[in-house]
Each structure stands twice: as C-alpha cells, then as structure tokens.
C-alpha cells in the first residue's frame, strides 16, 4: 500500500508518522519522569510524616515522664508496678531518640531506691 502511494505523499506521510512517534515517546518519557517524581514526593512526605509522629510520641512520653516524676518524687516509697511503668516509658522514649531530660528524671527516680512490693 505504501509503495502505491503518490511520491508527494510519502515525505508528508513519513513526517507525520515521525511526529506522532516522537510525540508518543516524549509523552511516555514525561509520564515516567512524572511517576518517578510522584514516588519521590510520596516517600519524602512519608518520611516527614514519620518524623512528625516520632517527635509527637517523644513529646507525649516526655510529658508522661514528668508527670510520673512529679507524682513519685515525694512519695516515701515507689511500688514495683509504678517503677515498671516509668521504666517502660523511659525505654521507649530513649529508643525514639529522647534527650537527656528523660534520662535525668528516670535516674532521679531510680536513685531513690525506694521501690517496694505491694
């Protein structure tokens, strides 16, 4: 069929086909780049969200350490259950990268040595 075409149409036909093929390739390349960028953006957003959640957990756990510290520092004795609670909070707080403020509060309670069984 192409051989039967008028010689005038062959260059136009080739130009049109080349333009269409080039456009399709350009569109595919742009789509792939867009998909890659979208994936990078999603990963960045996920990392940011995780960092914010981690920071929020640190703040909440630090607040719990302060509350327990305030509650327990003047008690004559600390029960094993109370100390376990503080210990668990401190362990998670520390694993999340909590600062030395939590360590100081924990150490102060631990130094008291007033843990008693119920």
C-alpha atoms as a PDB file:
ATOM      1  CA  UNK A   1       0.000   0.000   0.000  1.00  0.00           C
ATOM      2  CA  UNK A   2       2.808   2.399   0.840  1.00  0.00           C
ATOM      3  CA  UNK A   3       4.508   1.641  -2.482  1.00  0.00           C
ATOM      4  CA  UNK A   4       1.339   2.521  -4.355  1.00  0.00           C
ATOM      5  CA  UNK A   5       1.183   5.950  -2.722  1.00  0.00           C
ATOM      6  CA  UNK A   6       1.851   9.091  -4.642  1.00  0.00           C
ATOM      7  CA  UNK A   7       5.513  10.162  -4.285  1.00  0.00           C
ATOM      8  CA  UNK A   8       4.331  13.558  -2.998  1.00  0.00           C
ATOM      9  CA  UNK A   9       2.585  11.988  -0.037  1.00  0.00           C
ATOM     10  CA  UNK A  10       5.496   9.776   1.046  1.00  0.00           C
ATOM     11  CA  UNK A  11       7.549  12.616   2.636  1.00  0.00           C
ATOM     12  CA  UNK A  12       4.421  14.028   4.290  1.00  0.00           C
ATOM     13  CA  UNK A  13       3.420  10.565   5.456  1.00  0.00           C
ATOM     14  CA  UNK A  14       6.914   9.943   6.900  1.00  0.00           C
ATOM     15  CA  UNK A  15       6.914  13.344   8.599  1.00  0.00           C
ATOM     16  CA  UNK A  16       3.507  12.757  10.169  1.00  0.00           C
ATOM     17  CA  UNK A  17       4.441   9.264  11.372  1.00  0.00           C
ATOM     18  CA  UNK A  18       7.748  10.547  12.763  1.00  0.00           C
ATOM     19  CA  UNK A  19       5.995  13.416  14.528  1.00  0.00           C
ATOM     20  CA  UNK A  20       3.388  11.097  16.037  1.00  0.00           C
ATOM     21  CA  UNK A  21       6.034   8.574  17.135  1.00  0.00           C
ATOM     22  CA  UNK A  22       8.179  11.357  18.577  1.00  0.00           C
ATOM     23  CA  UNK A  23       5.190  12.773  20.436  1.00  0.00           C
ATOM     24  CA  UNK A  24       4.301   9.374  21.865  1.00  0.00           C
ATOM     25  CA  UNK A  25       7.894   8.794  23.006  1.00  0.00           C
ATOM     26  CA  UNK A  26       8.080  12.285  24.523  1.00  0.00           C
ATOM     27  CA  UNK A  27       4.764  11.728  26.323  1.00  0.00           C
ATOM     28  CA  UNK A  28       5.962   8.347  27.665  1.00  0.00           C
ATOM     29  CA  UNK A  29       9.239   9.851  28.894  1.00  0.00           C
ATOM     30  CA  UNK A  30       7.376  12.710  30.586  1.00  0.00           C
ATOM     31  CA  UNK A  31       4.912  10.255  32.159  1.00  0.00           C
ATOM     32  CA  UNK A  32       7.720   8.066  33.518  1.00  0.00           C
ATOM     33  CA  UNK A  33       9.548  11.098  34.929  1.00  0.00           C
ATOM     34  CA  UNK A  34       6.313  12.295  36.493  1.00  0.00           C
ATOM     35  CA  UNK A  35       5.683   8.888  38.056  1.00  0.00           C
ATOM     36  CA  UNK A  36       9.223   8.779  39.460  1.00  0.00           C
ATOM     37  CA  UNK A  37       8.876  12.288  40.889  1.00  0.00           C
ATOM     38  CA  UNK A  38       5.483  11.395  42.362  1.00  0.00           C
ATOM     39  CA  UNK A  39       7.052   8.363  44.043  1.00  0.00           C
ATOM     40  CA  UNK A  40       9.900  10.514  45.412  1.00  0.00           C
ATOM     41  CA  UNK A  41       7.372  13.073  46.660  1.00  0.00           C
ATOM     42  CA  UNK A  42       5.320  10.352  48.372  1.00  0.00           C
ATOM     43  CA  UNK A  43       8.426   8.881  50.006  1.00  0.00           C
ATOM     44  CA  UNK A  44       9.511  12.324  51.201  1.00  0.00           C
ATOM     45  CA  UNK A  45       6.046  13.023  52.574  1.00  0.00           C
ATOM     46  CA  UNK A  46       6.001   9.650  54.326  1.00  0.00           C
ATOM     47  CA  UNK A  47       9.419  10.319  55.893  1.00  0.00           C
ATOM     48  CA  UNK A  48       8.242  13.746  57.041  1.00  0.00           C
ATOM     49  CA  UNK A  49       5.039  12.279  58.484  1.00  0.00           C
ATOM     50  CA  UNK A  50       7.017   9.611  60.336  1.00  0.00           C
ATOM     51  CA  UNK A  51       9.400  12.231  61.729  1.00  0.00           C
ATOM     52  CA  UNK A  52       6.469  14.323  62.953  1.00  0.00           C
ATOM     53  CA  UNK A  53       4.805  11.285  64.558  1.00  0.00           C
ATOM     54  CA  UNK A  54       8.084  10.311  66.207  1.00  0.00           C
ATOM     55  CA  UNK A  55       8.508  13.822  67.566  1.00  0.00           C
ATOM     56  CA  UNK A  56       4.908  13.802  68.809  1.00  0.00           C
ATOM     57  CA  UNK A  57       5.474  10.485  70.601  1.00  0.00           C
ATOM     58  CA  UNK A  58       8.638  11.858  72.187  1.00  0.00           C
ATOM     59  CA  UNK A  59       6.737  14.881  73.458  1.00  0.00           C
ATOM     60  CA  UNK A  60       3.947  12.717  74.870  1.00  0.00           C
ATOM     61  CA  UNK A  61       6.351  10.301  76.547  1.00  0.00           C
ATOM     62  CA  UNK A  62       8.445  13.129  77.978  1.00  0.00           C
ATOM     63  CA  UNK A  63       5.230  14.583  79.411  1.00  0.00           C
ATOM     64  CA  UNK A  64       4.425  11.203  80.967  1.00  0.00           C
ATOM     65  CA  UNK A  65       7.906  11.037  82.487  1.00  0.00           C
ATOM     66  CA  UNK A  66       7.407  14.495  84.005  1.00  0.00           C
ATOM     67  CA  UNK A  67       4.009  13.521  85.400  1.00  0.00           C
ATOM     68  CA  UNK A  68       5.329  10.301  86.913  1.00  0.00           C
ATOM     69  CA  UNK A  69       8.352  12.140  88.285  1.00  0.00           C
ATOM     70  CA  UNK A  70       6.187  14.812  89.915  1.00  0.00           C
ATOM     71  CA  UNK A  71       3.872  12.147  91.330  1.00  0.00           C
ATOM     72  CA  UNK A  72       6.587   9.839  92.637  1.00  0.00           C
ATOM     73  CA  UNK A  73       9.393  12.129  93.791  1.00  0.00           C
ATOM     74  CA  UNK A  74       7.825  12.975  97.161  1.00  0.00           C
ATOM     75  CA  UNK A  75       6.275   9.581  97.866  1.00  0.00           C
ATOM     76  CA  UNK A  76       8.003   7.675 100.632  1.00  0.00           C
ATOM     77  CA  UNK A  77       8.016   4.501  98.525  1.00  0.00           C
ATOM     78  CA  UNK A  78       7.596   3.595  94.867  1.00  0.00           C
ATOM     79  CA  UNK A  79       5.810   0.362  94.062  1.00  0.00           C
ATOM     80  CA  UNK A  80       7.286  -2.144  91.631  1.00  0.00           C
ATOM     81  CA  UNK A  81       4.366  -1.512  89.276  1.00  0.00           C
ATOM     82  CA  UNK A  82       4.951   2.232  89.355  1.00  0.00           C
ATOM     83  CA  UNK A  83       8.628   1.785  88.636  1.00  0.00           C
ATOM     84  CA  UNK A  84       7.916  -0.674  85.801  1.00  0.00           C
ATOM     85  CA  UNK A  85       5.610   1.879  84.211  1.00  0.00           C
ATOM     86  CA  UNK A  86       8.262   4.582  84.424  1.00  0.00           C
ATOM     87  CA  UNK A  87      10.895   2.145  83.151  1.00  0.00           C
ATOM     88  CA  UNK A  88       8.784   1.170  80.118  1.00  0.00           C
ATOM     89  CA  UNK A  89       8.040   4.793  79.272  1.00  0.00           C
ATOM     90  CA  UNK A  90      11.716   5.696  79.586  1.00  0.00           C
ATOM     91  CA  UNK A  91      12.823   2.737  77.445  1.00  0.00           C
ATOM     92  CA  UNK A  92      10.504   3.695  74.583  1.00  0.00           C
ATOM     93  CA  UNK A  93      11.320   7.402  74.973  1.00  0.00           C
ATOM     94  CA  UNK A  94      15.031   6.610  74.786  1.00  0.00           C
ATOM     95  CA  UNK A  95      14.598   4.319  71.741  1.00  0.00           C
ATOM     96  CA  UNK A  96      12.841   7.163  69.919  1.00  0.00           C
ATOM     97  CA  UNK A  97      15.901   9.339  70.483  1.00  0.00           C
ATOM     98  CA  UNK A  98      14.636  11.226  73.508  1.00  0.00           C
ATOM     99  CA  UNK A  99      17.015  13.724  75.034  1.00  0.00           C
ATOM    100  CA  UNK A 100      18.784  13.627  78.378  1.00  0.00           C
ATOM    101  CA  UNK A 101      15.922  15.315  80.207  1.00  0.00           C
ATOM    102  CA  UNK A 102      14.099  11.986  80.317  1.00  0.00           C
ATOM    103  CA  UNK A 103      17.299  10.263  81.445  1.00  0.00           C
ATOM    104  CA  UNK A 104      17.680  12.702  84.327  1.00  0.00           C
ATOM    105  CA  UNK A 105      14.110  12.239  85.518  1.00  0.00           C
ATOM    106  CA  UNK A 106      14.435   8.459  85.244  1.00  0.00           C
ATOM    107  CA  UNK A 107      17.809   8.408  87.026  1.00  0.00           C
ATOM    108  CA  UNK A 108      16.475  10.540  89.866  1.00  0.00           C
ATOM    109  CA  UNK A 109      13.612   8.126  90.478  1.00  0.00           C
ATOM    110  CA  UNK A 110      15.888   5.113  90.114  1.00  0.00           C
ATOM    111  CA  UNK A 111      18.411   6.533  92.614  1.00  0.00           C
ATOM    112  CA  UNK A 112      15.783   6.881  95.304  1.00  0.00           C
ATOM    113  CA  UNK A 113      15.918   3.142  95.793  1.00  0.00           C
ATOM    114  CA  UNK A 114      12.535   3.208  97.467  1.00  0.00           C
ATOM    115  CA  UNK A 115      10.892   0.560  95.323  1.00  0.00           C
ATOM    116  CA  UNK A 116       8.674  -1.632  97.422  1.00  0.00           C
ATOM    117  CA  UNK A 117       6.460  -4.566  96.528  1.00  0.00           C
ATOM    118  CA  UNK A 118       2.760  -4.150  97.172  1.00  0.00           C
END
